[in-house]
Amino acid sequence: MSAKFRVLITDRAWPDCEVERKELALVDAEVIEAPPGADEQTLIEKATGVDAIATCWAQVTEAVIAAAPDCKTIARLGIGLDNIDVKYATSRKIPVTNVPDYCIPEVADHAMALMLASLRNVAFFHHQTKQGIYDLSAAPLPRRVSSLTMGLFGFGLTGQAVAERARAFGMDVLATNSSGNDYGTGTTMVPFEELIQKSDVISIHAPLTEATQHQFDQSAFAQMKSTALIINTSRGGLIDFAALKSAIENQDIAGAALDVFDPEPPDLSDPFFQDERVIATPHAAFISQESLDELRQQAARQVADVLVGRETTNVVNPSVFE
């Protein structure tokens, strides 16, 4: 006997879909999986006739959504929504959900780890010793972390968690966001230009939107301190990669520590990634056993809720219910 509902999972960053299958089976929904790396046409074929779509990083375009005329919800297995055509989904009265609070500690910890690995020359010395080089003088003399200013571009839950950690290291903290709201943290909120001019470390924690696309461009890097470090654990498209490469090559800034790229995966044959001032990790900031459990269970429950007519959490386009 076939299930009452069919749910397409476009892609995943974990070994299987058993967590999702168990949760959705409670509402008589079966899971349909797209093959790894599926292109738009494959996703269109897989989406045909499904009742819901859950996506990690795959592009859920208008064409993919249109292939599922009975689609009742689209769930983002994560926080950012730039891979989903939310505008078209809203026009179709399809609620879109995300999980905005599942990996806050992990991303904040990763940002701090990238910062320390760069500022304290940990990554550089590790690379040197692995090649049989034991030379303290090979790296530039570092600054005391507590003497530095952390600048946060974006001040949502993750930005606030990074601010808390940075203050624990004795750093001064500046932040900027579209509202200027410090959310009761007492953090000094400043305009973007002041943030990039005064910060020794800039950590990016904003969503990728039309307004923030390539926020860090040639002009931004030109205004930063030549000793500044930029960290990105948010979205690759927030940085103009060509401008960043130029800034590193010309020593306009001191270094970059990146967990996200545009495109992903990046071309690791690019000499940029061999530069000793650059640290790169493979979009790993979000992951831990605990964060994945929270993410997968919550996203699957959101889908299940909508399929059976229950109220659910974190609907990003609530106007569809009006």
Protein backbone atom coordinates (compact mmCIF):
# COMPACT_ATOMS: atom_id res chain seq x y z
CA MET A 1 0.00 0.00 0.00
CA SER A 2 1.50 3.35 -1.03
CA ALA A 3 2.07 6.16 1.45
CA LYS A 4 -0.36 9.08 1.67
CA PHE A 5 2.37 11.69 1.04
CA ARG A 6 5.64 11.85 -0.90
CA VAL A 7 8.52 14.11 0.23
CA LEU A 8 11.51 14.91 -1.97
CA ILE A 9 14.86 15.38 -0.23
CA THR A 10 17.05 17.11 -2.80
CA ASP A 11 20.42 16.61 -1.11
CA ARG A 12 22.04 16.02 2.27
CA ALA A 13 25.31 16.45 4.15
CA TRP A 14 24.97 13.24 6.17
CA PRO A 15 25.17 9.52 5.31
CA ASP A 16 21.46 8.64 5.07
CA CYS A 17 17.89 9.87 5.51
CA GLU A 18 16.84 7.55 8.32
CA VAL A 19 16.04 10.36 10.78
CA GLU A 20 13.83 12.02 8.19
CA ARG A 21 12.20 8.73 7.16
CA LYS A 22 11.25 7.86 10.74
CA GLU A 23 9.81 11.30 11.46
CA LEU A 24 7.82 11.48 8.22
CA ALA A 25 6.57 7.91 8.51
CA LEU A 26 4.55 9.08 11.52
CA VAL A 27 2.30 10.98 9.11
CA ASP A 28 2.39 8.30 6.40
CA ALA A 29 4.89 10.11 4.22
CA GLU A 30 7.60 8.39 2.20
CA VAL A 31 10.94 9.92 1.32
CA ILE A 32 12.09 10.31 -2.27
CA GLU A 33 15.80 11.06 -2.64
CA ALA A 34 17.45 12.87 -5.53
CA PRO A 35 20.82 11.46 -6.62
CA PRO A 36 23.93 13.28 -5.34
CA GLY A 37 24.73 16.43 -7.27
CA ALA A 38 21.42 16.40 -9.13
CA ASP A 39 21.01 19.18 -11.68
CA GLU A 40 17.84 21.22 -12.16
CA GLN A 41 16.34 18.85 -14.74
CA THR A 42 16.86 15.85 -12.45
CA LEU A 43 15.29 17.73 -9.55
CA ILE A 44 12.32 18.64 -11.76
CA GLU A 45 11.83 14.97 -12.59
CA LYS A 46 12.11 13.93 -8.95
CA ALA A 47 9.80 16.72 -7.77
CA THR A 48 7.01 15.76 -10.13
CA GLY A 49 3.97 14.94 -8.03
CA VAL A 50 5.55 15.26 -4.58
CA ASP A 51 3.72 16.81 -1.64
CA ALA A 52 6.74 18.53 -0.06
CA ILE A 53 10.37 19.37 -0.73
CA ALA A 54 13.21 19.43 1.80
CA THR A 55 16.54 20.85 0.68
CA CYS A 56 20.01 21.29 2.08
CA TRP A 57 22.06 23.19 -0.56
CA ALA A 58 20.43 22.24 -3.88
CA GLN A 59 18.77 25.02 -5.88
CA VAL A 60 15.00 24.78 -5.51
CA THR A 61 14.11 26.99 -8.45
CA GLU A 62 10.76 28.10 -9.82
CA ALA A 63 10.91 25.26 -12.33
CA VAL A 64 11.52 22.67 -9.60
CA ILE A 65 8.65 23.99 -7.51
CA ALA A 66 6.36 24.22 -10.54
CA ALA A 67 6.97 20.51 -11.19
CA ALA A 68 5.14 19.76 -7.95
CA PRO A 69 1.63 21.28 -8.34
CA ASP A 70 0.50 19.63 -5.09
CA CYS A 71 3.51 20.84 -3.07
CA LYS A 72 2.34 21.92 0.36
CA THR A 73 5.63 23.06 1.90
CA ILE A 74 9.35 23.57 1.27
CA ALA A 75 11.73 23.05 4.17
CA ARG A 76 15.29 24.33 4.26
CA LEU A 77 17.59 21.96 6.12
CA GLY A 78 19.54 24.93 7.45
CA ILE A 79 19.31 28.65 8.02
CA GLY A 80 19.94 30.56 4.78
CA LEU A 81 17.25 30.72 2.10
CA ASP A 82 19.24 31.86 -0.92
CA ASN A 83 18.88 28.46 -2.64
CA ILE A 84 15.07 28.55 -2.58
CA ASP A 85 12.84 30.72 -4.78
CA VAL A 86 10.86 31.96 -1.80
CA LYS A 87 9.12 34.62 -3.90
CA TYR A 88 7.68 32.05 -6.29
CA ALA A 89 6.76 29.69 -3.44
CA THR A 90 4.91 32.54 -1.76
CA SER A 91 3.02 33.30 -4.98
CA ARG A 92 1.91 29.66 -4.91
CA LYS A 93 0.84 29.95 -1.25
CA ILE A 94 3.49 27.39 -0.26
CA PRO A 95 4.94 27.93 3.24
CA VAL A 96 8.75 27.85 3.38
CA THR A 97 10.45 26.93 6.65
CA ASN A 98 14.00 26.97 7.94
CA VAL A 99 15.82 26.07 11.17
CA PRO A 100 17.44 29.34 12.27
CA ASP A 101 18.75 28.25 15.66
CA TYR A 102 20.17 24.76 15.19
CA CYS A 103 23.93 25.37 14.86
CA ILE A 104 24.56 28.67 16.61
CA PRO A 105 27.24 27.34 19.03
CA GLU A 106 29.00 25.37 16.28
CA VAL A 107 29.31 28.29 13.85
CA ALA A 108 30.35 30.71 16.60
CA ASP A 109 32.99 28.25 17.83
CA HIS A 110 34.23 27.69 14.28
CA ALA A 111 34.56 31.41 13.65
CA MET A 112 36.63 31.77 16.80
CA ALA A 113 38.70 28.72 15.88
CA LEU A 114 39.46 30.23 12.47
CA MET A 115 40.38 33.51 14.14
CA LEU A 116 42.79 31.90 16.61
CA ALA A 117 44.29 29.61 13.96
CA SER A 118 45.15 32.71 11.95
CA LEU A 119 46.05 35.25 14.63
CA ARG A 120 48.17 32.82 16.63
CA ASN A 121 49.78 31.33 13.47
CA VAL A 122 48.47 27.89 14.44
CA ALA A 123 47.59 26.88 10.88
CA PHE A 124 50.86 28.24 9.51
CA PHE A 125 53.08 26.51 12.08
CA HIS A 126 51.12 23.26 11.74
CA HIS A 127 51.75 23.32 7.98
CA GLN A 128 55.44 24.09 8.56
CA THR A 129 56.06 21.35 11.11
CA LYS A 130 54.30 18.78 8.90
CA GLN A 131 56.96 19.59 6.31
CA GLY A 132 59.77 19.17 8.84
CA ILE A 133 60.27 22.90 9.48
CA TYR A 134 60.55 23.99 13.11
CA ASP A 135 61.11 27.74 12.95
CA LEU A 136 59.45 30.25 15.28
CA SER A 137 60.78 33.18 13.25
CA ALA A 138 59.09 32.02 10.01
CA ALA A 139 55.80 33.73 10.86
CA PRO A 140 55.13 37.41 11.54
CA LEU A 141 54.97 38.41 15.19
CA PRO A 142 51.34 38.11 16.34
CA ARG A 143 49.31 40.69 18.25
CA ARG A 144 47.79 39.99 21.67
CA VAL A 145 44.20 38.89 21.01
CA SER A 146 42.78 40.93 23.90
CA SER A 147 44.21 44.10 22.36
CA LEU A 148 42.18 43.68 19.16
CA THR A 149 38.73 44.80 18.00
CA MET A 150 36.26 42.28 16.60
CA GLY A 151 33.85 43.63 13.99
CA LEU A 152 30.70 41.65 13.24
CA PHE A 153 28.87 42.09 9.96
CA GLY A 154 25.43 40.77 10.83
CA PHE A 155 24.18 40.53 14.40
CA GLY A 156 21.63 37.77 14.56
CA LEU A 157 21.87 34.82 16.93
CA THR A 158 25.22 33.67 15.56
CA GLY A 159 26.74 37.15 15.54
CA GLN A 160 25.64 37.62 19.13
CA ALA A 161 27.21 34.27 20.10
CA VAL A 162 30.50 35.31 18.49
CA ALA A 163 30.36 38.64 20.33
CA GLU A 164 30.01 36.80 23.64
CA ARG A 165 33.00 34.61 22.85
CA ALA A 166 35.12 37.51 21.61
CA ARG A 167 34.45 39.46 24.80
CA ALA A 168 35.54 36.41 26.80
CA PHE A 169 38.91 36.79 25.06
CA GLY A 170 39.03 40.43 26.13
CA MET A 171 38.32 41.86 22.68
CA ASP A 172 36.37 45.03 22.01
CA VAL A 173 33.34 44.26 19.85
CA LEU A 174 31.67 46.36 17.16
CA ALA A 175 28.74 45.23 15.05
CA THR A 176 26.58 46.41 12.20
CA ASN A 177 23.20 45.26 10.92
CA SER A 178 20.32 46.74 8.97
CA SER A 179 18.32 47.72 12.06
CA GLY A 180 21.07 48.98 14.36
CA ASN A 181 19.50 46.87 17.13
CA ASP A 182 21.96 45.44 19.69
CA TYR A 183 19.27 43.11 21.10
CA GLY A 184 20.09 44.14 24.65
CA THR A 185 23.69 42.92 24.47
CA GLY A 186 25.29 46.31 25.00
CA THR A 187 27.37 45.84 21.85
CA THR A 188 28.49 49.02 20.11
CA MET A 189 26.55 49.26 16.84
CA VAL A 190 28.23 51.23 14.06
CA PRO A 191 27.77 51.92 10.32
CA PHE A 192 29.43 49.48 7.92
CA GLU A 193 32.17 51.92 6.93
CA GLU A 194 33.17 52.47 10.55
CA LEU A 195 33.15 48.73 11.20
CA ILE A 196 35.57 47.91 8.39
CA GLN A 197 37.84 50.85 9.18
CA LYS A 198 38.19 50.15 12.92
CA SER A 199 38.13 46.35 13.17
CA ASP A 200 41.20 44.14 13.43
CA VAL A 201 39.10 41.04 12.82
CA ILE A 202 35.91 41.07 10.75
CA SER A 203 33.60 38.08 11.06
CA ILE A 204 30.66 37.77 8.65
CA HIS A 205 27.29 36.56 9.97
CA ALA A 206 24.71 38.03 7.61
CA PRO A 207 22.36 36.34 5.14
CA LEU A 208 23.10 36.48 1.43
CA THR A 209 20.58 38.81 -0.23
CA GLU A 210 20.56 41.18 -3.18
CA ALA A 211 21.60 43.91 -0.76
CA THR A 212 24.53 41.97 0.75
CA GLN A 213 25.82 40.25 -2.40
CA HIS A 214 29.54 41.17 -2.68
CA GLN A 215 29.26 43.47 0.34
CA PHE A 216 32.98 42.95 0.77
CA ASP A 217 34.25 44.28 -2.52
CA GLN A 218 37.33 46.17 -3.66
CA SER A 219 36.13 49.36 -1.98
CA ALA A 220 35.56 47.58 1.34
CA PHE A 221 38.96 45.90 1.36
CA ALA A 222 40.62 49.23 0.53
CA GLN A 223 39.13 50.72 3.69
CA MET A 224 40.23 47.89 5.99
CA LYS A 225 43.40 47.91 8.03
CA SER A 226 46.37 46.30 6.30
CA THR A 227 46.69 44.13 9.42
CA ALA A 228 43.03 43.03 9.36
CA LEU A 229 41.75 39.46 9.16
CA ILE A 230 38.44 38.59 7.48
CA ILE A 231 36.46 35.48 8.51
CA ASN A 232 33.46 34.12 6.63
CA THR A 233 31.26 31.32 8.00
CA SER A 234 28.05 32.66 6.43
CA ARG A 235 27.78 32.60 2.61
CA GLY A 236 30.52 32.80 0.00
CA GLY A 237 28.65 35.34 -2.10
CA LEU A 238 28.99 38.00 0.59
CA ILE A 239 32.61 38.40 -0.54
CA ASP A 240 33.70 39.42 -4.03
CA PHE A 241 36.25 36.63 -4.46
CA ALA A 242 38.27 38.47 -7.11
CA ALA A 243 38.51 41.50 -4.83
CA LEU A 244 39.59 39.31 -1.91
CA LYS A 245 42.30 37.66 -4.00
CA SER A 246 43.57 41.07 -5.02
CA ALA A 247 43.52 42.32 -1.42
CA ILE A 248 45.57 39.34 -0.26
CA GLU A 249 48.02 39.56 -3.16
CA ASN A 250 48.52 43.31 -2.66
CA GLN A 251 48.73 42.97 1.15
CA ASP A 252 45.77 45.29 1.58
CA ILE A 253 44.68 42.94 4.39
CA ALA A 254 46.67 40.44 6.42
CA GLY A 255 44.65 37.28 5.94
CA ALA A 256 41.41 35.45 5.25
CA ALA A 257 39.84 32.46 7.02
CA LEU A 258 36.97 31.01 5.00
CA ASP A 259 34.46 28.21 5.51
CA VAL A 260 32.15 29.19 2.64
CA PHE A 261 32.80 29.95 -1.01
CA ASP A 262 31.16 30.98 -4.25
CA PRO A 263 30.92 28.60 -5.98
CA GLU A 264 31.08 25.58 -3.71
CA PRO A 265 33.23 23.61 -3.83
CA PRO A 266 35.86 26.15 -4.86
CA ASP A 267 38.64 25.50 -7.34
CA LEU A 268 41.40 24.43 -4.96
CA SER A 269 43.92 24.53 -7.78
CA ASP A 270 43.74 28.33 -7.57
CA PRO A 271 47.06 29.58 -6.11
CA PHE A 272 45.00 31.64 -3.65
CA PHE A 273 44.40 28.53 -1.58
CA GLN A 274 48.13 27.82 -1.33
CA ASP A 275 48.79 31.23 0.20
CA GLU A 276 49.98 30.87 3.79
CA ARG A 277 47.76 33.78 4.82
CA VAL A 278 44.62 31.92 3.78
CA ILE A 279 42.83 29.29 5.86
CA ALA A 280 40.03 27.26 4.27
CA THR A 281 37.63 24.66 5.66
CA PRO A 282 34.97 22.78 3.62
CA HIS A 283 31.71 24.43 4.78
CA ALA A 284 32.15 22.61 8.08
CA ALA A 285 31.19 25.28 10.63
CA PHE A 286 27.62 24.07 11.11
CA ILE A 287 28.32 20.45 11.83
CA SER A 288 28.31 18.45 15.05
CA GLN A 289 26.41 15.36 16.14
CA GLU A 290 24.11 17.50 18.22
CA SER A 291 23.47 20.15 15.57
CA LEU A 292 22.65 17.56 12.90
CA ASP A 293 20.20 15.77 15.19
CA GLU A 294 18.43 19.07 15.94
CA LEU A 295 18.39 20.14 12.31
CA ARG A 296 17.09 16.94 10.79
CA GLN A 297 14.42 16.28 13.39
CA GLN A 298 13.10 19.83 13.36
CA ALA A 299 13.00 20.15 9.57
CA ALA A 300 11.25 16.79 9.19
CA ARG A 301 8.70 17.76 11.84
CA GLN A 302 8.03 21.02 10.03
CA VAL A 303 7.22 19.11 6.86
CA ALA A 304 5.09 16.60 8.75
CA ASP A 305 3.17 19.39 10.50
CA VAL A 306 2.20 21.10 7.27
CA LEU A 307 1.26 17.85 5.54
CA VAL A 308 -1.33 17.04 8.22
CA GLY A 309 -2.54 20.58 8.76
CA ARG A 310 -0.79 21.37 12.04
CA GLU A 311 0.77 24.72 12.84
CA THR A 312 4.53 24.56 12.44
CA THR A 313 7.60 26.59 13.36
CA ASN A 314 9.81 29.12 11.53
CA VAL A 315 7.63 29.85 8.50
CA VAL A 316 9.56 32.56 6.68
CA ASN A 317 6.65 33.66 4.48
CA PRO A 318 3.65 33.69 6.87
CA SER A 319 1.63 35.77 4.40
CA VAL A 320 0.74 32.50 2.62
CA PHE A 321 -1.72 31.80 5.43
CA GLU A 322 -3.60 35.10 5.00
